[in-house]
Amino acid sequence: MTTPPSHTVNETREQHIEAIMTQLRPKIEQTLRQMVERAVDVPEAQEFGTIDGEFRDAGLKLANEVRQASLASRKKRATSVPASPVPCASMPPNSIPTKAGGC
């Protein structure tokens, strides 16, 4: 079993989940409302036709919203550390002529 990545000392996994849920809740509720309205309004003859595709698309859209929110929250929580100093390159050695004719 893998252990979840450590984020910050003060933020627990549950707090992280709740933060993303709070962010997504309005979109989830709006999408769910639209799906329920569509299900209520669709004529019985079309109940299992195009509405299936609409529901699938709505589910895929929500899944993408979750992925984007999760990715964005990871980027926000990334620890920023100053870049380590890179030593300056020394001067290149002087050219030494080689024998005529190459190697």
PDB file of N, CA and C in Angstrom:
ATOM      1  N   MET A   1       0.849  -1.182   0.000  1.00  0.00           N
ATOM      2  CA  MET A   1       0.000   0.000   0.000  1.00  0.00           C
ATOM      3  C   MET A   1       0.884   1.231   0.000  1.00  0.00           C
ATOM      4  N   THR A   2       0.528   2.218  -0.797  1.00  0.00           N
ATOM      5  CA  THR A   2       1.332   3.431  -0.875  1.00  0.00           C
ATOM      6  C   THR A   2       0.859   4.438   0.142  1.00  0.00           C
ATOM      7  N   THR A   3       1.754   5.278   0.561  1.00  0.00           N
ATOM      8  CA  THR A   3       1.387   6.332   1.499  1.00  0.00           C
ATOM      9  C   THR A   3       1.138   7.606   0.723  1.00  0.00           C
ATOM     10  N   PRO A   4       0.150   8.403   1.149  1.00  0.00           N
ATOM     11  CA  PRO A   4      -0.124   9.651   0.434  1.00  0.00           C
ATOM     12  C   PRO A   4       1.034  10.616   0.587  1.00  0.00           C
ATOM     13  N   PRO A   5       1.271  11.466  -0.417  1.00  0.00           N
ATOM     14  CA  PRO A   5       2.375  12.420  -0.313  1.00  0.00           C
ATOM     15  C   PRO A   5       2.120  13.403   0.811  1.00  0.00           C
ATOM     16  N   SER A   6       3.188  13.790   1.498  1.00  0.00           N
ATOM     17  CA  SER A   6       3.010  14.767   2.564  1.00  0.00           C
ATOM     18  C   SER A   6       2.912  16.143   1.940  1.00  0.00           C
ATOM     19  N   HIS A   7       1.927  16.903   2.344  1.00  0.00           N
ATOM     20  CA  HIS A   7       1.697  18.222   1.761  1.00  0.00           C
ATOM     21  C   HIS A   7       2.316  19.265   2.675  1.00  0.00           C
ATOM     22  N   THR A   8       1.611  19.677   3.639  1.00  0.00           N
ATOM     23  CA  THR A   8       2.165  20.566   4.628  1.00  0.00           C
ATOM     24  C   THR A   8       1.894  19.938   5.977  1.00  0.00           C
ATOM     25  N   VAL A   9       2.603  20.357   6.978  1.00  0.00           N
ATOM     26  CA  VAL A   9       2.446  19.769   8.289  1.00  0.00           C
ATOM     27  C   VAL A   9       1.038  20.001   8.823  1.00  0.00           C
ATOM     28  N   ASN A  10       0.469  21.156   8.555  1.00  0.00           N
ATOM     29  CA  ASN A  10      -0.824  21.518   9.124  1.00  0.00           C
ATOM     30  C   ASN A  10      -2.011  20.978   8.349  1.00  0.00           C
ATOM     31  N   GLU A  11      -1.828  20.567   7.111  1.00  0.00           N
ATOM     32  CA  GLU A  11      -2.955  20.147   6.290  1.00  0.00           C
ATOM     33  C   GLU A  11      -3.049  18.629   6.260  1.00  0.00           C
ATOM     34  N   THR A  12      -4.169  18.113   6.686  1.00  0.00           N
ATOM     35  CA  THR A  12      -4.379  16.672   6.637  1.00  0.00           C
ATOM     36  C   THR A  12      -5.014  16.300   5.305  1.00  0.00           C
ATOM     37  N   ARG A  13      -5.030  15.033   5.042  1.00  0.00           N
ATOM     38  CA  ARG A  13      -5.654  14.536   3.811  1.00  0.00           C
ATOM     39  C   ARG A  13      -7.116  14.955   3.761  1.00  0.00           C
ATOM     40  N   GLU A  14      -7.817  14.801   4.875  1.00  0.00           N
ATOM     41  CA  GLU A  14      -9.241  15.145   4.917  1.00  0.00           C
ATOM     42  C   GLU A  14      -9.466  16.635   4.669  1.00  0.00           C
ATOM     43  N   GLN A  15      -8.611  17.481   5.197  1.00  0.00           N
ATOM     44  CA  GLN A  15      -8.733  18.918   4.957  1.00  0.00           C
ATOM     45  C   GLN A  15      -8.525  19.227   3.481  1.00  0.00           C
ATOM     46  N   HIS A  16      -7.584  18.540   2.885  1.00  0.00           N
ATOM     47  CA  HIS A  16      -7.320  18.734   1.455  1.00  0.00           C
ATOM     48  C   HIS A  16      -8.545  18.336   0.636  1.00  0.00           C
ATOM     49  N   ILE A  17      -9.132  17.192   0.947  1.00  0.00           N
ATOM     50  CA  ILE A  17     -10.329  16.727   0.238  1.00  0.00           C
ATOM     51  C   ILE A  17     -11.466  17.731   0.414  1.00  0.00           C
ATOM     52  N   GLU A  18     -11.678  18.187   1.638  1.00  0.00           N
ATOM     53  CA  GLU A  18     -12.752  19.139   1.902  1.00  0.00           C
ATOM     54  C   GLU A  18     -12.545  20.459   1.161  1.00  0.00           C
ATOM     55  N   ALA A  19     -11.302  20.898   1.055  1.00  0.00           N
ATOM     56  CA  ALA A  19     -11.022  22.143   0.333  1.00  0.00           C
ATOM     57  C   ALA A  19     -11.391  21.998  -1.140  1.00  0.00           C
ATOM     58  N   ILE A  20     -11.050  20.870  -1.745  1.00  0.00           N
ATOM     59  CA  ILE A  20     -11.389  20.648  -3.153  1.00  0.00           C
ATOM     60  C   ILE A  20     -12.897  20.489  -3.306  1.00  0.00           C
ATOM     61  N   MET A  21     -13.539  19.765  -2.387  1.00  0.00           N
ATOM     62  CA  MET A  21     -14.989  19.600  -2.448  1.00  0.00           C
ATOM     63  C   MET A  21     -15.701  20.949  -2.349  1.00  0.00           C
ATOM     64  N   THR A  22     -15.231  21.807  -1.465  1.00  0.00           N
ATOM     65  CA  THR A  22     -15.830  23.130  -1.313  1.00  0.00           C
ATOM     66  C   THR A  22     -15.707  23.919  -2.611  1.00  0.00           C
ATOM     67  N   GLN A  23     -14.559  23.794  -3.244  1.00  0.00           N
ATOM     68  CA  GLN A  23     -14.342  24.494  -4.514  1.00  0.00           C
ATOM     69  C   GLN A  23     -15.256  23.941  -5.612  1.00  0.00           C
ATOM     70  N   LEU A  24     -15.424  22.628  -5.646  1.00  0.00           N
ATOM     71  CA  LEU A  24     -16.188  21.990  -6.725  1.00  0.00           C
ATOM     72  C   LEU A  24     -17.695  21.939  -6.474  1.00  0.00           C
ATOM     73  N   ARG A  25     -18.124  22.061  -5.242  1.00  0.00           N
ATOM     74  CA  ARG A  25     -19.540  21.876  -4.906  1.00  0.00           C
ATOM     75  C   ARG A  25     -20.493  22.697  -5.780  1.00  0.00           C
ATOM     76  N   PRO A  26     -20.253  23.981  -6.029  1.00  0.00           N
ATOM     77  CA  PRO A  26     -21.194  24.724  -6.896  1.00  0.00           C
ATOM     78  C   PRO A  26     -21.294  24.133  -8.299  1.00  0.00           C
ATOM     79  N   LYS A  27     -20.182  23.712  -8.878  1.00  0.00           N
ATOM     80  CA  LYS A  27     -20.210  23.127 -10.224  1.00  0.00           C
ATOM     81  C   LYS A  27     -20.932  21.782 -10.204  1.00  0.00           C
ATOM     82  N   ILE A  28     -20.663  20.995  -9.165  1.00  0.00           N
ATOM     83  CA  ILE A  28     -21.317  19.686  -9.045  1.00  0.00           C
ATOM     84  C   ILE A  28     -22.822  19.862  -8.919  1.00  0.00           C
ATOM     85  N   GLU A  29     -23.238  20.757  -8.053  1.00  0.00           N
ATOM     86  CA  GLU A  29     -24.670  20.976  -7.843  1.00  0.00           C
ATOM     87  C   GLU A  29     -25.349  21.524  -9.099  1.00  0.00           C
ATOM     88  N   GLN A  30     -24.673  22.410  -9.801  1.00  0.00           N
ATOM     89  CA  GLN A  30     -25.242  22.958 -11.039  1.00  0.00           C
ATOM     90  C   GLN A  30     -25.404  21.857 -12.083  1.00  0.00           C
ATOM     91  N   THR A  31     -24.385  21.037 -12.248  1.00  0.00           N
ATOM     92  CA  THR A  31     -24.447  19.952 -13.226  1.00  0.00           C
ATOM     93  C   THR A  31     -25.518  18.942 -12.840  1.00  0.00           C
ATOM     94  N   LEU A  32     -25.570  18.586 -11.569  1.00  0.00           N
ATOM     95  CA  LEU A  32     -26.574  17.636 -11.107  1.00  0.00           C
ATOM     96  C   LEU A  32     -27.985  18.191 -11.321  1.00  0.00           C
ATOM     97  N   ARG A  33     -28.163  19.451 -11.029  1.00  0.00           N
ATOM     98  CA  ARG A  33     -29.472  20.093 -11.234  1.00  0.00           C
ATOM     99  C   ARG A  33     -29.883  20.020 -12.710  1.00  0.00           C
ATOM    100  N   GLN A  34     -28.940  20.333 -13.609  1.00  0.00           N
ATOM    101  CA  GLN A  34     -29.235  20.286 -15.043  1.00  0.00           C
ATOM    102  C   GLN A  34     -29.601  18.868 -15.483  1.00  0.00           C
ATOM    103  N   MET A  35     -28.901  17.875 -14.930  1.00  0.00           N
ATOM    104  CA  MET A  35     -29.185  16.486 -15.281  1.00  0.00           C
ATOM    105  C   MET A  35     -30.572  16.072 -14.788  1.00  0.00           C
ATOM    106  N   VAL A  36     -30.909  16.457 -13.567  1.00  0.00           N
ATOM    107  CA  VAL A  36     -32.226  16.108 -13.022  1.00  0.00           C
ATOM    108  C   VAL A  36     -33.326  16.806 -13.817  1.00  0.00           C
ATOM    109  N   GLU A  37     -33.126  18.088 -14.127  1.00  0.00           N
ATOM    110  CA  GLU A  37     -34.130  18.807 -14.928  1.00  0.00           C
ATOM    111  C   GLU A  37     -34.321  18.128 -16.276  1.00  0.00           C
ATOM    112  N   ARG A  38     -33.227  17.736 -16.896  1.00  0.00           N
ATOM    113  CA  ARG A  38     -33.304  17.073 -18.203  1.00  0.00           C
ATOM    114  C   ARG A  38     -34.040  15.744 -18.079  1.00  0.00           C
ATOM    115  N   ALA A  39     -33.759  14.997 -17.014  1.00  0.00           N
ATOM    116  CA  ALA A  39     -34.421  13.709 -16.802  1.00  0.00           C
ATOM    117  C   ALA A  39     -35.913  13.883 -16.579  1.00  0.00           C
ATOM    118  N   VAL A  40     -36.295  14.944 -15.885  1.00  0.00           N
ATOM    119  CA  VAL A  40     -37.710  15.206 -15.617  1.00  0.00           C
ATOM    120  C   VAL A  40     -38.421  15.670 -16.884  1.00  0.00           C
ATOM    121  N   ASP A  41     -37.741  16.458 -17.701  1.00  0.00           N
ATOM    122  CA  ASP A  41     -38.367  17.067 -18.875  1.00  0.00           C
ATOM    123  C   ASP A  41     -38.372  16.182 -20.118  1.00  0.00           C
ATOM    124  N   VAL A  42     -37.545  15.176 -20.182  1.00  0.00           N
ATOM    125  CA  VAL A  42     -37.429  14.377 -21.402  1.00  0.00           C
ATOM    126  C   VAL A  42     -38.701  13.546 -21.611  1.00  0.00           C
ATOM    127  N   PRO A  43     -39.194  13.507 -22.833  1.00  0.00           N
ATOM    128  CA  PRO A  43     -40.355  12.664 -23.115  1.00  0.00           C
ATOM    129  C   PRO A  43     -39.997  11.185 -22.880  1.00  0.00           C
ATOM    130  N   GLU A  44     -40.962  10.430 -22.442  1.00  0.00           N
ATOM    131  CA  GLU A  44     -40.725   9.024 -22.099  1.00  0.00           C
ATOM    132  C   GLU A  44     -40.123   8.241 -23.263  1.00  0.00           C
ATOM    133  N   ALA A  45     -40.513   8.585 -24.472  1.00  0.00           N
ATOM    134  CA  ALA A  45     -40.002   7.873 -25.655  1.00  0.00           C
ATOM    135  C   ALA A  45     -38.500   8.098 -25.858  1.00  0.00           C
ATOM    136  N   GLN A  46     -37.971   9.198 -25.336  1.00  0.00           N
ATOM    137  CA  GLN A  46     -36.549   9.520 -25.506  1.00  0.00           C
ATOM    138  C   GLN A  46     -35.739   9.266 -24.240  1.00  0.00           C
ATOM    139  N   GLU A  47     -36.357   8.628 -23.276  1.00  0.00           N
ATOM    140  CA  GLU A  47     -35.735   8.460 -21.964  1.00  0.00           C
ATOM    141  C   GLU A  47     -34.387   7.738 -22.027  1.00  0.00           C
ATOM    142  N   PHE A  48     -34.224   6.844 -22.980  1.00  0.00           N
ATOM    143  CA  PHE A  48     -32.974   6.104 -23.049  1.00  0.00           C
ATOM    144  C   PHE A  48     -32.228   6.355 -24.355  1.00  0.00           C
ATOM    145  N   GLY A  49     -32.439   7.490 -24.955  1.00  0.00           N
ATOM    146  CA  GLY A  49     -31.773   7.811 -26.213  1.00  0.00           C
ATOM    147  C   GLY A  49     -30.652   8.805 -26.001  1.00  0.00           C
ATOM    148  N   THR A  50     -30.839   9.977 -26.560  1.00  0.00           N
ATOM    149  CA  THR A  50     -29.799  11.003 -26.509  1.00  0.00           C
ATOM    150  C   THR A  50     -29.469  11.452 -25.092  1.00  0.00           C
ATOM    151  N   ILE A  51     -30.397  11.254 -24.176  1.00  0.00           N
ATOM    152  CA  ILE A  51     -30.137  11.674 -22.797  1.00  0.00           C
ATOM    153  C   ILE A  51     -28.964  10.890 -22.201  1.00  0.00           C
ATOM    154  N   ASP A  52     -28.781   9.637 -22.644  1.00  0.00           N
ATOM    155  CA  ASP A  52     -27.650   8.848 -22.151  1.00  0.00           C
ATOM    156  C   ASP A  52     -26.328   9.520 -22.501  1.00  0.00           C
ATOM    157  N   GLY A  53     -26.226   9.997 -23.722  1.00  0.00           N
ATOM    158  CA  GLY A  53     -25.015  10.695 -24.143  1.00  0.00           C
ATOM    159  C   GLY A  53     -24.810  11.992 -23.378  1.00  0.00           C
ATOM    160  N   GLU A  54     -25.903  12.700 -23.140  1.00  0.00           N
ATOM    161  CA  GLU A  54     -25.811  13.953 -22.381  1.00  0.00           C
ATOM    162  C   GLU A  54     -25.338  13.685 -20.954  1.00  0.00           C
ATOM    163  N   PHE A  55     -25.863  12.625 -20.342  1.00  0.00           N
ATOM    164  CA  PHE A  55     -25.451  12.287 -18.974  1.00  0.00           C
ATOM    165  C   PHE A  55     -23.980  11.846 -18.943  1.00  0.00           C
ATOM    166  N   ARG A  56     -23.575  11.070 -19.933  1.00  0.00           N
ATOM    167  CA  ARG A  56     -22.180  10.637 -20.009  1.00  0.00           C
ATOM    168  C   ARG A  56     -21.257  11.844 -20.154  1.00  0.00           C
ATOM    169  N   ASP A  57     -21.621  12.756 -21.032  1.00  0.00           N
ATOM    170  CA  ASP A  57     -20.806  13.954 -21.238  1.00  0.00           C
ATOM    171  C   ASP A  57     -20.724  14.797 -19.968  1.00  0.00           C
ATOM    172  N   ALA A  58     -21.847  14.905 -19.257  1.00  0.00           N
ATOM    173  CA  ALA A  58     -21.855  15.672 -18.009  1.00  0.00           C
ATOM    174  C   ALA A  58     -20.934  15.012 -16.972  1.00  0.00           C
ATOM    175  N   GLY A  59     -20.960  13.689 -16.910  1.00  0.00           N
ATOM    176  CA  GLY A  59     -20.081  12.967 -15.983  1.00  0.00           C
ATOM    177  C   GLY A  59     -18.616  13.145 -16.333  1.00  0.00           C
ATOM    178  N   LEU A  60     -18.294  13.096 -17.619  1.00  0.00           N
ATOM    179  CA  LEU A  60     -16.909  13.297 -18.056  1.00  0.00           C
ATOM    180  C   LEU A  60     -16.438  14.722 -17.755  1.00  0.00           C
ATOM    181  N   LYS A  61     -17.337  15.670 -17.931  1.00  0.00           N
ATOM    182  CA  LYS A  61     -16.994  17.058 -17.640  1.00  0.00           C
ATOM    183  C   LYS A  61     -16.693  17.227 -16.150  1.00  0.00           C
ATOM    184  N   LEU A  62     -17.509  16.607 -15.301  1.00  0.00           N
ATOM    185  CA  LEU A  62     -17.249  16.670 -13.860  1.00  0.00           C
ATOM    186  C   LEU A  62     -15.928  15.995 -13.500  1.00  0.00           C
ATOM    187  N   ALA A  63     -15.654  14.858 -14.118  1.00  0.00           N
ATOM    188  CA  ALA A  63     -14.386  14.170 -13.854  1.00  0.00           C
ATOM    189  C   ALA A  63     -13.204  15.058 -14.219  1.00  0.00           C
ATOM    190  N   ASN A  64     -13.295  15.781 -15.324  1.00  0.00           N
ATOM    191  CA  ASN A  64     -12.226  16.696 -15.723  1.00  0.00           C
ATOM    192  C   ASN A  64     -12.096  17.859 -14.750  1.00  0.00           C
ATOM    193  N   GLU A  65     -13.217  18.343 -14.234  1.00  0.00           N
ATOM    194  CA  GLU A  65     -13.187  19.418 -13.235  1.00  0.00           C
ATOM    195  C   GLU A  65     -12.439  18.950 -11.984  1.00  0.00           C
ATOM    196  N   VAL A  66     -12.697  17.713 -11.572  1.00  0.00           N
ATOM    197  CA  VAL A  66     -12.021  17.161 -10.393  1.00  0.00           C
ATOM    198  C   VAL A  66     -10.520  17.063 -10.654  1.00  0.00           C
ATOM    199  N   ARG A  67     -10.152  16.565 -11.811  1.00  0.00           N
ATOM    200  CA  ARG A  67      -8.720  16.451 -12.142  1.00  0.00           C
ATOM    201  C   ARG A  67      -8.038  17.816 -12.131  1.00  0.00           C
ATOM    202  N   GLN A  68      -8.679  18.798 -12.747  1.00  0.00           N
ATOM    203  CA  GLN A  68      -8.081  20.135 -12.811  1.00  0.00           C
ATOM    204  C   GLN A  68      -7.967  20.760 -11.432  1.00  0.00           C
ATOM    205  N   ALA A  69      -8.989  20.598 -10.606  1.00  0.00           N
ATOM    206  CA  ALA A  69      -8.951  21.162  -9.256  1.00  0.00           C
ATOM    207  C   ALA A  69      -7.869  20.488  -8.420  1.00  0.00           C
ATOM    208  N   SER A  70      -7.743  19.187  -8.567  1.00  0.00           N
ATOM    209  CA  SER A  70      -6.721  18.454  -7.823  1.00  0.00           C
ATOM    210  C   SER A  70      -5.322  18.892  -8.251  1.00  0.00           C
ATOM    211  N   LEU A  71      -5.118  19.012  -9.545  1.00  0.00           N
ATOM    212  CA  LEU A  71      -3.820  19.453 -10.062  1.00  0.00           C
ATOM    213  C   LEU A  71      -3.504  20.864  -9.597  1.00  0.00           C
ATOM    214  N   ALA A  72      -4.479  21.747  -9.671  1.00  0.00           N
ATOM    215  CA  ALA A  72      -4.270  23.138  -9.247  1.00  0.00           C
ATOM    216  C   ALA A  72      -3.936  23.206  -7.754  1.00  0.00           C
ATOM    217  N   SER A  73      -4.598  22.370  -6.953  1.00  0.00           N
ATOM    218  CA  SER A  73      -4.323  22.412  -5.514  1.00  0.00           C
ATOM    219  C   SER A  73      -2.919  21.894  -5.217  1.00  0.00           C
ATOM    220  N   ARG A  74      -2.450  20.942  -5.998  1.00  0.00           N
ATOM    221  CA  ARG A  74      -1.081  20.440  -5.805  1.00  0.00           C
ATOM    222  C   ARG A  74      -0.062  21.525  -6.138  1.00  0.00           C
ATOM    223  N   LYS A  75      -0.331  22.263  -7.205  1.00  0.00           N
ATOM    224  CA  LYS A  75       0.587  23.331  -7.594  1.00  0.00           C
ATOM    225  C   LYS A  75       0.627  24.416  -6.529  1.00  0.00           C
ATOM    226  N   LYS A  76      -0.531  24.724  -5.935  1.00  0.00           N
ATOM    227  CA  LYS A  76      -0.584  25.743  -4.884  1.00  0.00           C
ATOM    228  C   LYS A  76       0.184  25.303  -3.653  1.00  0.00           C
ATOM    229  N   ARG A  77       0.135  23.985  -3.357  1.00  0.00           N
ATOM    230  CA  ARG A  77       0.751  23.484  -2.137  1.00  0.00           C
ATOM    231  C   ARG A  77       2.221  23.133  -2.313  1.00  0.00           C
ATOM    232  N   ALA A  78       2.716  23.209  -3.527  1.00  0.00           N
ATOM    233  CA  ALA A  78       4.116  22.852  -3.758  1.00  0.00           C
ATOM    234  C   ALA A  78       5.017  23.753  -2.936  1.00  0.00           C
ATOM    235  N   THR A  79       5.991  23.142  -2.344  1.00  0.00           N
ATOM    236  CA  THR A  79       6.926  23.907  -1.525  1.00  0.00           C
ATOM    237  C   THR A  79       7.873  24.648  -2.440  1.00  0.00           C
ATOM    238  N   SER A  80       7.986  25.928  -2.212  1.00  0.00           N
ATOM    239  CA  SER A  80       8.921  26.689  -3.025  1.00  0.00           C
ATOM    240  C   SER A  80      10.189  26.905  -2.216  1.00  0.00           C
ATOM    241  N   VAL A  81      11.268  26.527  -2.793  1.00  0.00           N
ATOM    242  CA  VAL A  81      12.573  26.718  -2.178  1.00  0.00           C
ATOM    243  C   VAL A  81      13.421  27.515  -3.140  1.00  0.00           C
ATOM    244  N   PRO A  82      14.297  28.322  -2.605  1.00  0.00           N
ATOM    245  CA  PRO A  82      15.155  29.071  -3.514  1.00  0.00           C
ATOM    246  C   PRO A  82      16.037  28.118  -4.316  1.00  0.00           C
ATOM    247  N   ALA A  83      16.318  28.513  -5.515  1.00  0.00           N
ATOM    248  CA  ALA A  83      17.176  27.695  -6.371  1.00  0.00           C
ATOM    249  C   ALA A  83      18.563  27.624  -5.769  1.00  0.00           C
ATOM    250  N   SER A  84      19.156  26.445  -5.856  1.00  0.00           N
ATOM    251  CA  SER A  84      20.504  26.313  -5.315  1.00  0.00           C
ATOM    252  C   SER A  84      21.477  27.018  -6.251  1.00  0.00           C
ATOM    253  N   PRO A  85      22.472  27.651  -5.667  1.00  0.00           N
ATOM    254  CA  PRO A  85      23.422  28.362  -6.522  1.00  0.00           C
ATOM    255  C   PRO A  85      24.240  27.374  -7.355  1.00  0.00           C
ATOM    256  N   VAL A  86      24.454  27.762  -8.571  1.00  0.00           N
ATOM    257  CA  VAL A  86      25.250  26.928  -9.464  1.00  0.00           C
ATOM    258  C   VAL A  86      26.620  27.571  -9.574  1.00  0.00           C
ATOM    259  N   PRO A  87      27.672  26.780  -9.364  1.00  0.00           N
ATOM    260  CA  PRO A  87      29.005  27.385  -9.471  1.00  0.00           C
ATOM    261  C   PRO A  87      29.263  27.857 -10.899  1.00  0.00           C
ATOM    262  N   CYS A  88      29.977  28.940 -11.004  1.00  0.00           N
ATOM    263  CA  CYS A  88      30.322  29.477 -12.319  1.00  0.00           C
ATOM    264  C   CYS A  88      31.271  28.526 -13.016  1.00  0.00           C
ATOM    265  N   ALA A  89      31.108  28.430 -14.319  1.00  0.00           N
ATOM    266  CA  ALA A  89      31.991  27.573 -15.097  1.00  0.00           C
ATOM    267  C   ALA A  89      33.370  28.215 -15.165  1.00  0.00           C
ATOM    268  N   SER A  90      34.379  27.378 -15.071  1.00  0.00           N
ATOM    269  CA  SER A  90      35.734  27.913 -15.213  1.00  0.00           C
ATOM    270  C   SER A  90      35.980  28.229 -16.677  1.00  0.00           C
ATOM    271  N   MET A  91      36.995  28.976 -16.945  1.00  0.00           N
ATOM    272  CA  MET A  91      37.319  29.344 -18.318  1.00  0.00           C
ATOM    273  C   MET A  91      37.715  28.080 -19.082  1.00  0.00           C
ATOM    274  N   PRO A  92      37.326  27.997 -20.348  1.00  0.00           N
ATOM    275  CA  PRO A  92      37.716  26.822 -21.136  1.00  0.00           C
ATOM    276  C   PRO A  92      39.233  26.789 -21.319  1.00  0.00           C
ATOM    277  N   PRO A  93      39.782  25.600 -21.439  1.00  0.00           N
ATOM    278  CA  PRO A  93      41.230  25.514 -21.620  1.00  0.00           C
ATOM    279  C   PRO A  93      41.639  26.136 -22.942  1.00  0.00           C
ATOM    280  N   ASN A  94      42.857  26.615 -22.972  1.00  0.00           N
ATOM    281  CA  ASN A  94      43.383  27.183 -24.210  1.00  0.00           C
ATOM    282  C   ASN A  94      43.471  26.089 -25.261  1.00  0.00           C
ATOM    283  N   SER A  95      43.292  26.489 -26.521  1.00  0.00           N
ATOM    284  CA  SER A  95      43.395  25.515 -27.600  1.00  0.00           C
ATOM    285  C   SER A  95      44.848  25.134 -27.800  1.00  0.00           C
ATOM    286  N   ILE A  96      45.057  23.861 -27.953  1.00  0.00           N
ATOM    287  CA  ILE A  96      46.401  23.381 -28.240  1.00  0.00           C
ATOM    288  C   ILE A  96      46.365  22.786 -29.634  1.00  0.00           C
ATOM    289  N   PRO A  97      47.201  23.267 -30.517  1.00  0.00           N
ATOM    290  CA  PRO A  97      47.177  22.734 -31.883  1.00  0.00           C
ATOM    291  C   PRO A  97      47.522  21.244 -31.885  1.00  0.00           C
ATOM    292  N   THR A  98      46.840  20.518 -32.746  1.00  0.00           N
ATOM    293  CA  THR A  98      47.126  19.080 -32.890  1.00  0.00           C
ATOM    294  C   THR A  98      47.963  18.873 -34.115  1.00  0.00           C
ATOM    295  N   LYS A  99      48.438  17.665 -34.307  1.00  0.00           N
ATOM    296  CA  LYS A  99      49.243  17.347 -35.480  1.00  0.00           C
ATOM    297  C   LYS A  99      48.401  17.556 -36.724  1.00  0.00           C
ATOM    298  N   ALA A 100      49.018  17.925 -37.771  1.00  0.00           N
ATOM    299  CA  ALA A 100      48.316  18.106 -39.044  1.00  0.00           C
ATOM    300  C   ALA A 100      47.764  16.759 -39.488  1.00  0.00           C
ATOM    301  N   GLY A 101      46.586  16.785 -40.022  1.00  0.00           N
ATOM    302  CA  GLY A 101      45.997  15.548 -40.517  1.00  0.00           C
ATOM    303  C   GLY A 101      45.034  14.942 -39.533  1.00  0.00           C
ATOM    304  N   GLY A 102      44.741  15.598 -38.432  1.00  0.00           N
ATOM    305  CA  GLY A 102      43.717  15.091 -37.518  1.00  0.00           C
ATOM    306  C   GLY A 102      44.310  14.229 -36.432  1.00  0.00           C
ATOM    307  N   CYS A 103      43.670  13.131 -36.135  1.00  0.00           N
ATOM    308  CA  CYS A 103      44.006  12.287 -34.996  1.00  0.00           C
ATOM    309  C   CYS A 103      45.352  11.729 -35.159  1.00  0.00           C
TER     310      CYS A 103
END
